[in-house]
Protein backbone atom coordinates (compact mmCIF):
# COMPACT_ATOMS: atom_id res chain seq x y z
CA MET A 1 82.47 -17.09 35.72
CA PHE A 2 79.27 -15.67 34.37
CA SER A 3 78.28 -12.08 35.02
CA SER A 4 75.40 -11.58 37.42
CA THR A 5 73.63 -9.47 34.80
CA ARG A 6 72.93 -11.46 31.73
CA LEU A 7 71.46 -10.29 28.48
CA ARG A 8 67.95 -11.49 27.91
CA LYS A 9 67.91 -14.21 25.28
CA LEU A 10 65.32 -13.71 22.51
CA PRO A 11 64.30 -16.01 19.70
CA LEU A 12 65.81 -15.79 16.21
CA PHE A 13 62.44 -14.68 14.82
CA PHE A 14 62.71 -11.44 16.91
CA TYR A 15 66.23 -10.63 15.59
CA LEU A 16 65.29 -11.38 11.97
CA SER A 17 62.22 -9.14 12.16
CA VAL A 18 64.02 -6.30 13.97
CA SER A 19 67.01 -6.42 11.55
CA TYR A 20 64.78 -6.31 8.49
CA LEU A 21 62.68 -3.55 10.01
CA ILE A 22 65.75 -1.44 10.64
CA LEU A 23 66.99 -2.13 7.10
CA TYR A 24 63.64 -1.12 5.57
CA ALA A 25 63.40 1.88 7.85
CA VAL A 26 66.82 3.20 6.80
CA CYS A 27 66.11 2.54 3.13
CA ALA A 28 62.66 4.14 3.36
CA LEU A 29 64.15 7.21 5.11
CA LEU A 30 66.83 7.62 2.45
CA LEU A 31 64.29 7.19 -0.29
CA TYR A 32 61.95 9.71 1.36
CA VAL A 33 64.67 12.32 1.73
CA ILE A 34 65.78 11.86 -1.86
CA ASN A 35 62.20 12.11 -3.14
CA ILE A 36 61.55 15.24 -1.08
CA ARG A 37 64.52 16.91 -2.67
CA VAL A 38 63.51 15.86 -6.16
CA ILE A 39 59.95 17.03 -5.60
CA SER A 40 61.08 20.39 -4.23
CA HIS A 41 63.53 20.92 -7.11
CA SER A 42 61.03 19.95 -9.77
CA ALA A 43 58.13 21.95 -8.26
CA ARG A 44 60.23 25.04 -7.85
CA ALA A 45 61.57 24.63 -11.36
CA PHE A 46 58.01 24.47 -12.59
CA ASP A 47 57.21 27.70 -10.75
CA ARG A 48 60.24 29.42 -12.23
CA GLU A 49 59.32 28.35 -15.73
CA ASP A 50 55.84 29.73 -15.18
CA VAL A 51 57.24 33.06 -13.85
CA GLU A 52 59.62 33.29 -16.77
CA SER A 53 56.81 32.79 -19.29
CA GLU A 54 54.58 35.41 -17.62
CA SER A 55 57.47 37.87 -17.27
CA ARG A 56 58.01 37.81 -21.00
CA GLU A 57 54.32 38.22 -21.65
CA TYR A 58 53.91 41.13 -19.27
CA ALA A 59 57.10 42.82 -20.53
CA GLU A 60 55.72 42.66 -24.07
CA ILE A 61 52.51 44.29 -22.87
CA LEU A 62 54.37 47.10 -21.08
CA ARG A 63 56.43 47.72 -24.23
CA ASN A 64 53.34 48.15 -26.30
CA ASN A 65 51.44 50.16 -23.63
CA THR A 66 53.79 52.23 -21.49
CA SER A 67 50.86 53.48 -19.31
CA GLY A 68 50.30 50.05 -17.89
CA ASP A 69 46.58 50.02 -18.49
CA TRP A 70 46.69 46.93 -20.66
CA LEU A 71 48.77 45.19 -17.95
CA ALA A 72 46.19 46.04 -15.31
CA GLU A 73 43.45 44.69 -17.53
CA GLU A 74 45.41 41.49 -18.22
CA ILE A 75 46.06 40.90 -14.51
CA ALA A 76 42.35 41.51 -13.72
CA LEU A 77 41.33 38.88 -16.25
CA GLU A 78 43.70 36.23 -14.85
CA ASN A 79 41.84 33.47 -13.08
CA PHE A 80 44.33 32.18 -10.57
CA PRO A 81 43.47 29.08 -8.47
CA GLU A 82 42.91 29.58 -4.81
CA SER A 83 46.11 27.71 -4.01
CA THR A 84 48.29 29.88 -6.27
CA LEU A 85 50.14 32.84 -4.90
CA PHE A 86 50.87 35.60 -7.44
CA ALA A 87 52.28 39.11 -7.25
CA ILE A 88 53.48 41.71 -9.75
CA ARG A 89 54.79 45.24 -9.45
CA VAL A 90 56.48 47.83 -11.73
CA PHE A 91 59.02 50.27 -10.51
CA GLY A 92 59.23 53.65 -12.26
CA THR A 93 62.44 55.25 -13.33
CA ASP A 94 62.40 57.19 -10.07
CA GLY A 95 62.49 53.97 -8.04
CA LYS A 96 58.88 54.24 -6.79
CA VAL A 97 56.30 51.50 -7.23
CA ALA A 98 54.14 52.58 -10.08
CA TYR A 99 51.85 49.57 -10.20
CA SER A 100 51.37 46.47 -8.01
CA ALA A 101 48.90 43.65 -7.69
CA SER A 102 48.70 40.34 -5.84
CA HIS A 103 46.60 37.20 -5.35
CA PRO A 104 45.35 37.14 -2.77
CA LYS A 105 45.11 40.85 -2.43
CA MET A 106 46.53 40.86 1.14
CA LEU A 107 49.53 38.71 0.26
CA ALA A 108 52.17 39.56 2.77
CA VAL A 109 55.56 39.61 1.06
CA PRO A 110 58.62 40.44 3.19
CA GLY A 111 59.70 44.05 2.45
CA GLY A 112 56.20 45.11 1.34
CA TRP A 113 54.44 44.88 -2.14
CA ALA A 114 51.91 47.73 -2.27
CA LYS A 115 51.17 50.27 -4.99
CA SER A 116 51.41 53.86 -3.74
CA ALA A 117 52.26 57.09 -5.53
CA GLU A 118 53.62 58.38 -2.31
CA THR A 119 55.99 55.38 -1.80
CA ASP A 120 59.40 56.59 -0.99
CA ALA A 121 62.02 55.99 -3.54
CA ARG A 122 63.97 52.79 -2.79
CA PRO A 123 66.90 50.98 -4.37
CA VAL A 124 65.59 49.22 -7.43
CA PRO A 125 66.02 45.40 -7.15
CA ARG A 126 68.65 43.83 -9.29
CA ALA A 127 67.65 41.92 -12.33
CA GLY A 128 67.56 38.20 -11.79
CA TRP A 129 66.02 35.56 -9.57
CA LYS A 130 65.42 35.10 -5.92
CA LYS A 131 63.13 33.16 -3.68
CA VAL A 132 61.35 34.20 -0.50
CA TYR A 133 59.95 31.86 2.13
CA LEU A 134 56.39 32.63 3.16
CA GLN A 135 55.91 31.15 6.63
CA ASP A 136 52.11 31.61 6.64
CA TYR A 137 51.83 29.40 3.51
CA ASN A 138 54.82 27.16 4.18
CA ARG A 139 56.15 27.56 0.66
CA TYR A 140 58.72 29.50 -1.41
CA LEU A 141 57.76 32.41 -3.61
CA GLN A 142 59.78 32.58 -6.85
CA ILE A 143 60.52 36.17 -7.89
CA LYS A 144 62.04 37.37 -11.19
CA THR A 145 63.19 40.93 -11.69
CA THR A 146 63.33 42.21 -15.30
CA ARG A 147 64.74 45.48 -16.58
CA LEU A 148 62.44 46.97 -19.27
CA GLY A 149 63.75 48.90 -22.29
CA ASP A 150 62.35 52.28 -21.06
CA GLY A 151 64.28 52.07 -17.72
CA ARG A 152 61.49 50.67 -15.64
CA THR A 153 61.78 47.50 -13.61
CA MET A 154 59.21 44.78 -13.35
CA GLN A 155 58.95 41.98 -10.74
CA VAL A 156 56.79 38.92 -11.13
CA ALA A 157 56.36 36.46 -8.25
CA LYS A 158 54.47 33.16 -8.18
CA SER A 159 54.14 29.99 -6.16
CA THR A 160 51.86 27.09 -6.77
CA ASP A 161 50.88 24.45 -4.18
CA LEU A 162 52.47 21.74 -6.33
CA GLU A 163 55.39 21.11 -3.94
CA ASN A 164 53.13 20.72 -0.89
CA VAL A 165 50.70 18.53 -2.79
CA GLN A 166 53.38 16.21 -4.00
CA ARG A 167 54.91 16.12 -0.45
CA ARG A 168 51.57 15.12 0.98
CA ILE A 169 51.25 12.41 -1.68
CA LEU A 170 54.75 11.21 -0.97
CA THR A 171 54.13 11.18 2.83
CA HIS A 172 50.94 9.12 2.38
CA THR A 173 52.71 6.77 -0.01
CA SER A 174 55.65 6.42 2.34
CA ALA A 175 53.37 5.61 5.24
CA ILE A 176 51.62 2.90 3.24
CA PHE A 177 55.01 1.61 2.12
CA ILE A 178 56.25 1.43 5.76
CA VAL A 179 53.12 -0.42 6.81
CA LEU A 180 53.42 -2.92 3.94
CA ALA A 181 57.19 -3.24 4.52
CA SER A 182 56.52 -4.02 8.20
CA LEU A 183 54.01 -6.66 7.32
CA PHE A 184 56.37 -8.10 4.76
CA THR A 185 59.07 -8.05 7.37
CA VAL A 186 57.00 -10.03 9.85
CA ALA A 187 55.91 -12.44 7.08
CA ASN A 188 59.50 -12.81 5.97
CA GLY A 189 60.67 -13.37 9.49
CA PHE A 190 57.97 -15.98 10.03
CA TRP A 191 59.00 -17.65 6.74
CA MET A 192 62.64 -17.66 7.71
CA MET A 193 61.59 -19.12 11.08
CA LEU A 194 59.83 -21.99 9.29
CA LEU A 195 62.96 -22.55 7.19
CA THR A 196 65.55 -22.25 9.92
CA VAL A 197 64.18 -21.88 13.40
CA GLY A 198 61.73 -24.75 13.04
CA PRO A 199 64.37 -27.35 12.22
CA ILE A 200 66.73 -25.88 14.80
CA LYS A 201 63.99 -26.13 17.43
CA ARG A 202 63.39 -29.72 16.53
CA ILE A 203 67.07 -30.51 16.93
CA SER A 204 67.23 -28.59 20.17
CA GLY A 205 64.13 -30.35 21.48
CA SER A 206 65.54 -33.73 20.64
CA MET A 207 68.80 -32.87 22.34
CA ALA A 208 66.99 -31.70 25.45
CA LYS A 209 65.01 -34.90 25.49
CA ILE A 210 68.18 -36.96 25.16
CA ILE A 211 69.73 -35.02 28.10
CA GLN A 212 66.67 -35.50 30.28
CA THR A 213 65.99 -39.17 29.54
CA GLY A 214 69.57 -40.32 28.70
CA THR A 215 68.27 -42.31 25.76
CA LEU A 216 70.38 -41.95 22.60
CA GLU A 217 69.13 -44.88 20.56
CA HIS A 218 66.37 -43.03 18.68
CA GLY A 219 68.38 -39.92 17.84
CA ILE A 220 66.30 -37.05 16.49
CA ASP A 221 63.42 -36.80 14.06
CA ARG A 222 64.21 -36.11 10.44
CA VAL A 223 64.86 -32.40 9.97
CA GLY A 224 63.11 -32.15 6.60
CA SER A 225 64.31 -28.63 5.87
CA PRO A 226 64.87 -27.24 2.33
CA ILE A 227 68.18 -25.81 3.62
CA ALA A 228 70.82 -28.39 2.88
CA GLU A 229 73.08 -27.28 5.75
CA LEU A 230 70.36 -27.92 8.31
CA ASN A 231 69.60 -31.35 6.84
CA SER A 232 73.30 -32.12 7.12
CA LEU A 233 73.38 -30.95 10.65
CA GLY A 234 70.54 -33.24 11.56
CA GLU A 235 72.14 -36.22 9.87
CA TYR A 236 75.51 -35.63 11.54
CA PHE A 237 73.81 -35.19 14.88
CA ASN A 238 71.91 -38.52 14.38
CA LEU A 239 75.17 -40.18 13.38
CA MET A 240 76.90 -38.87 16.49
CA THR A 241 74.06 -39.94 18.86
CA ARG A 242 73.95 -43.42 17.30
CA LYS A 243 77.74 -43.79 17.82
CA ASN A 244 77.42 -42.54 21.41
CA ALA A 245 74.50 -44.89 22.02
CA THR A 246 76.55 -47.79 20.76
CA LEU A 247 79.49 -46.78 22.89
CA ILE A 248 77.41 -46.34 26.00
CA LYS A 249 75.59 -49.62 25.48
CA ALA A 250 78.94 -51.43 25.10
CA MET A 251 80.21 -49.74 28.26
CA ARG A 252 77.05 -50.74 30.21
CA ASP A 253 77.17 -54.34 28.91
CA THR A 254 80.83 -54.52 29.84
CA LEU A 255 80.13 -53.10 33.25
CA ASP A 256 77.20 -55.48 33.81
CA ASN A 257 79.31 -58.47 32.70
CA VAL A 258 82.14 -57.40 35.01
CA ALA A 259 79.75 -57.02 37.87
CA HIS A 260 78.37 -60.52 37.27
CA ASP A 261 81.70 -62.17 36.75
CA PHE A 262 83.48 -60.51 39.66
CA ARG A 263 81.12 -61.87 42.27
CA THR A 264 82.73 -65.31 42.24
CA PRO A 265 86.34 -64.13 42.53
CA LEU A 266 85.31 -61.76 45.31
CA ALA A 267 83.56 -64.61 47.13
CA ARG A 268 86.68 -66.73 46.81
CA ILE A 269 88.97 -63.92 48.09
CA ARG A 270 86.59 -63.26 50.97
CA GLY A 271 86.35 -66.95 51.81
CA ALA A 272 90.10 -67.37 51.75
CA ALA A 273 90.60 -64.37 53.94
CA GLU A 274 87.92 -65.53 56.41
CA PHE A 275 89.39 -69.05 56.46
CA ALA A 276 92.83 -67.60 57.24
CA ILE A 277 91.46 -65.56 60.11
CA ASN A 278 89.56 -68.50 61.57
CA ALA A 279 92.60 -70.77 61.19
CA HIS A 280 94.97 -68.64 63.25
CA LYS A 281 94.63 -67.44 66.75
CA PRO A 282 95.57 -63.81 67.31
CA THR A 283 99.12 -63.35 68.56
CA PRO A 284 101.38 -60.37 68.74
CA ASP A 285 103.30 -61.73 65.77
CA ASN A 286 100.28 -62.16 63.41
CA GLU A 287 98.11 -59.28 64.64
CA ALA A 288 98.94 -57.03 61.71
CA LEU A 289 98.35 -59.82 59.27
CA LEU A 290 94.94 -60.69 60.73
CA GLY A 291 94.05 -57.00 60.65
CA THR A 292 94.91 -56.88 57.00
CA LEU A 293 92.78 -59.97 56.30
CA ALA A 294 89.85 -58.26 58.13
CA ASP A 295 90.28 -55.16 55.91
CA ILE A 296 90.22 -57.43 52.85
CA ILE A 297 86.95 -58.99 54.02
CA ASP A 298 85.44 -55.54 54.54
CA ASP A 299 86.57 -54.31 51.14
CA CYS A 300 85.19 -57.47 49.53
CA ASP A 301 81.86 -56.90 51.22
CA ASN A 302 81.82 -53.26 50.00
CA ALA A 303 82.76 -54.26 46.43
CA ARG A 304 80.14 -57.01 46.46
CA THR A 305 77.49 -54.53 47.59
CA GLN A 306 78.42 -52.15 44.79
CA LEU A 307 78.37 -54.95 42.25
CA GLN A 308 75.02 -56.03 43.49
CA ASN A 309 73.81 -52.42 43.12
CA LEU A 310 74.90 -52.44 39.55
CA MET A 311 73.12 -55.65 38.82
CA ASP A 312 69.97 -54.36 40.59
CA ILE A 313 70.04 -51.20 38.50
CA ARG A 314 70.44 -53.35 35.32
CA GLU A 315 67.46 -55.47 36.26
CA MET A 316 65.25 -52.46 37.01
CA GLU A 317 66.22 -50.67 33.80
CA SER A 318 65.45 -53.77 31.71
CA GLY A 319 62.13 -54.33 33.48
CA CYS A 320 63.12 -57.85 34.62
CA VAL A 321 63.09 -57.10 38.38
CA LYS A 322 60.28 -58.67 40.40
CA LEU A 323 59.05 -56.50 43.24
CA ASP A 324 57.75 -58.06 46.42
CA ILE A 325 54.58 -56.04 46.68
CA ARG A 326 53.06 -56.13 50.12
CA PRO A 327 51.06 -53.84 52.44
CA LEU A 328 53.26 -51.57 54.53
CA ASP A 329 53.11 -48.46 56.76
CA ALA A 330 54.98 -45.54 55.07
CA LYS A 331 55.09 -43.66 58.42
CA GLN A 332 56.85 -46.54 60.15
CA MET A 333 59.29 -47.05 57.25
CA ALA A 334 60.25 -43.32 57.33
CA ALA A 335 60.69 -43.46 61.10
CA GLU A 336 62.97 -46.54 60.84
CA ILE A 337 65.16 -44.86 58.23
CA ALA A 338 65.46 -41.75 60.41
CA ASP A 339 66.40 -43.88 63.44
CA LEU A 340 69.03 -45.63 61.32
CA TYR A 341 70.81 -42.34 60.44
CA ALA A 342 70.18 -40.45 63.68
CA VAL A 343 73.57 -41.50 65.10
CA LEU A 344 75.52 -40.41 61.92
CA ALA A 345 73.62 -37.12 61.92
CA GLU A 346 74.35 -36.58 65.63
CA ASP A 347 78.10 -37.21 65.03
CA LYS A 348 78.11 -34.29 62.55
CA ASN A 349 75.95 -32.06 64.81
CA ILE A 350 73.23 -32.14 62.09
CA MET A 351 69.63 -31.66 63.21
CA LEU A 352 67.53 -34.47 61.70
CA THR A 353 63.80 -33.69 62.10
CA LEU A 354 60.68 -35.65 61.15
CA ALA A 355 57.35 -34.33 59.98
CA LEU A 356 55.12 -37.40 59.96
CA PRO A 357 51.27 -37.74 60.23
CA ASP A 358 49.78 -38.79 63.55
CA ALA A 359 48.06 -41.83 62.04
CA PRO A 360 49.69 -44.66 60.10
CA VAL A 361 49.91 -44.25 56.37
CA PRO A 362 49.10 -47.61 54.68
CA MET A 363 50.33 -48.26 51.21
CA SER A 364 51.62 -51.18 49.14
CA GLY A 365 55.04 -51.71 47.67
CA ASP A 366 58.32 -53.50 48.02
CA LYS A 367 59.34 -52.44 51.46
CA ASN A 368 63.05 -53.48 51.06
CA ARG A 369 63.35 -51.49 47.83
CA LEU A 370 61.52 -48.48 49.15
CA SER A 371 63.61 -48.50 52.33
CA GLN A 372 66.76 -48.67 50.21
CA MET A 373 65.43 -45.73 48.20
CA LEU A 374 64.80 -43.54 51.30
CA ALA A 375 68.05 -44.68 52.85
CA ASN A 376 70.04 -43.56 49.80
CA LEU A 377 68.49 -40.10 49.90
CA VAL A 378 68.91 -39.60 53.63
CA ASP A 379 72.50 -41.02 53.41
CA ASN A 380 73.33 -38.44 50.72
CA ALA A 381 71.79 -35.68 52.78
CA VAL A 382 73.97 -36.65 55.80
CA LYS A 383 77.10 -37.00 53.65
CA TYR A 384 76.85 -33.73 51.89
CA THR A 385 75.47 -31.53 54.67
CA PRO A 386 78.15 -29.63 56.57
CA ASN A 387 78.40 -29.83 60.35
CA GLY A 388 75.70 -27.93 62.10
CA GLY A 389 73.25 -28.31 59.14
CA ARG A 390 69.66 -29.41 59.08
CA ILE A 391 67.85 -32.34 57.43
CA ARG A 392 64.07 -32.76 57.33
CA LEU A 393 62.16 -35.91 56.35
CA ALA A 394 58.44 -35.22 55.85
CA LEU A 395 55.58 -37.48 54.79
CA ASP A 396 52.11 -36.59 53.62
CA ALA A 397 49.43 -38.53 51.70
CA ASP A 398 46.10 -38.23 49.95
CA GLU A 399 43.67 -40.82 48.70
CA THR A 400 45.80 -41.99 45.79
CA SER A 401 49.40 -41.16 46.53
CA VAL A 402 52.08 -40.90 49.18
CA ARG A 403 54.73 -38.15 49.07
CA PHE A 404 58.10 -38.20 50.82
CA THR A 405 60.06 -34.91 51.06
CA ILE A 406 63.80 -34.93 52.02
CA SER A 407 65.34 -31.52 52.32
CA ASP A 408 68.80 -30.46 53.54
CA THR A 409 71.03 -27.46 53.88
CA GLY A 410 73.95 -29.16 52.11
CA ILE A 411 76.29 -28.28 49.33
CA GLY A 412 73.61 -28.42 46.60
CA ILE A 413 73.89 -29.46 43.01
CA PRO A 414 74.97 -27.02 40.19
CA GLU A 415 72.18 -26.26 37.76
CA GLU A 416 74.05 -27.60 34.75
CA GLU A 417 74.24 -31.02 36.45
CA HIS A 418 70.56 -31.44 37.30
CA ALA A 419 69.82 -33.63 34.27
CA LEU A 420 72.87 -35.86 34.83
CA ILE A 421 72.47 -37.00 38.48
CA TRP A 422 70.27 -40.00 37.46
CA GLN A 423 73.03 -41.47 35.26
CA ARG A 424 75.06 -44.36 36.53
CA LEU A 425 78.51 -43.56 37.90
CA PHE A 426 77.90 -39.85 37.69
CA ARG A 427 79.13 -37.77 40.57
CA SER A 428 78.69 -34.01 40.99
CA ARG A 429 81.84 -31.98 41.08
CA ASN A 430 80.72 -30.71 44.49
CA ALA A 431 80.55 -34.23 45.85
CA ARG A 432 83.82 -35.78 44.70
CA HIS A 433 85.60 -35.17 47.99
CA VAL A 434 83.37 -37.90 49.53
CA LYS A 435 83.93 -41.58 48.73
CA GLY A 436 81.37 -43.21 46.41
CA LEU A 437 80.72 -44.70 42.99
CA GLY A 438 77.79 -42.58 41.94
CA LEU A 439 75.17 -45.40 41.95
CA GLY A 440 72.87 -44.15 44.76
CA MET A 441 70.72 -41.77 42.67
CA SER A 442 70.50 -44.32 39.81
CA ILE A 443 69.13 -46.85 42.28
CA VAL A 444 66.64 -44.37 43.70
CA LYS A 445 65.35 -43.48 40.14
CA ALA A 446 65.12 -47.17 39.15
CA ILE A 447 63.09 -48.03 42.30
CA VAL A 448 60.72 -45.06 41.84
CA ASP A 449 60.17 -45.96 38.15
CA ALA A 450 59.58 -49.60 39.05
CA HIS A 451 56.77 -48.47 41.41
CA ARG A 452 55.30 -46.18 38.75
CA GLY A 453 56.15 -43.14 40.81
CA SER A 454 57.90 -39.85 40.22
CA ILE A 455 60.77 -37.93 41.72
CA THR A 456 61.61 -34.27 41.38
CA PHE A 457 64.12 -31.99 43.13
CA THR A 458 65.26 -28.46 43.51
CA SER A 459 68.77 -27.49 44.51
CA VAL A 460 70.81 -24.34 44.96
CA PRO A 461 74.56 -24.62 45.40
CA ASP A 462 75.68 -23.93 49.01
CA GLN A 463 72.05 -23.62 50.16
CA GLY A 464 70.67 -27.14 49.96
CA THR A 465 68.60 -29.68 48.05
CA THR A 466 64.99 -30.87 48.36
CA PHE A 467 63.82 -34.23 46.88
CA ILE A 468 60.07 -34.96 46.47
CA LEU A 469 59.07 -38.61 45.82
CA THR A 470 55.51 -39.34 44.87
CA LEU A 471 54.35 -42.96 44.95
CA PRO A 472 50.92 -44.56 44.35
CA ARG A 473 49.31 -45.91 47.45
CA GLN A 474 48.49 -49.09 45.52
CA ALA A 475 51.62 -50.15 43.75
CA GLN A 476 51.27 -51.58 40.24
CA PRO A 477 54.73 -52.67 39.17
CA ILE A 478 55.85 -52.37 35.54
CA PRO A 479 55.54 -55.75 33.87
CA PRO A 480 58.83 -57.43 32.92
CA ALA A 481 59.92 -56.83 29.37
CA SER A 482 59.32 -59.75 27.03
CA ASP A 483 62.31 -61.40 25.46
CA VAL A 484 62.62 -60.97 21.74
């Protein structure tokens, strides 16, 4: 039993595109993270190399000029780019800042970086490297502390905008890559759809057509896919449909031949039984025998009727039937059928109502066939509607067509069987508790087709079924098929 909440079914193209997009997104994210780390490492390494070079240069200047005047002049002559952050300071042997400078001048370094003779003595930083994050600039400042030969300590700090520039370039490149990857994914999904979904849709469409029409002879169109497996699938499906068509044709021919050949034996059996009944007067001794003979006559009549129905269906399907097209009143025909089944409906306490126009509804057609068509539908409605149900027979017309509507509150037809009810000998699983051979709906469809009409229906299990028959007011029967 299926769950009441079903997952929404989406085409293969959607799943292909989404799966490729997720794959590209994951790969792009991993590549982006790796590149960010590489860029950060290389940019900071570049800054450290720059600081290392300048530390050696400035240490040499301080060794040659202990006063620091030459260092101040050198720093003043430096032409730092606007995006570069630079700072330098020299601690005296007493631990106070003897000289400091920065670019920009108001560079805020955590812990302070100002030159002041009154600066309190502080612990002198250890020699080595450290980095400080400057939130205002969103970058790291690389700082190197160097011990000079005279006991002083020098710190040089620098940070270029190389890391942020490369990150922006990477972000823009990644965005372009994601857009191109998305377009490629859609194009690839469309290409895969042409290779796979297209042939599969053609096979599915042919299968749906076969189910709807019941014609297996033509099979499916050639798949024509570059994928060998799909071509093989199409070929095997065609082979299967051809074999099924041959089997069904043989079964139909056999059934038609049996229906034709059995009429004579049935007539003989019925005649013998009727002769026996007429030849003996009823007595207490032969009453049971005569009753059995009467049952045989009834069964022969029923069998002959079913055989005749089979032969009629065969004639209509082959286009050999000749309709007796005459003017008739559709309103009167519907009323006669309702009167015919009124007693049966009353026995089951079923409310049989009519919705007919006030005026006659003239049309042309084979009245016997059309009456048989309506009778089959009303008969099914009475059979399969539980006691206390309702049946409604309505008629309306316009200038070109006449429409009969037969609705009931019966057992209904399961959705998976909707395409099968027109097939000969098919009986719905909901209807197998009632006697029948499954020929009624085949006869209805054959009569409608012979009059160039159409029939549709809607049905919900345990709620009822509604059939709508649309017939032209001026019947133009299908010409008989020519013999080849």
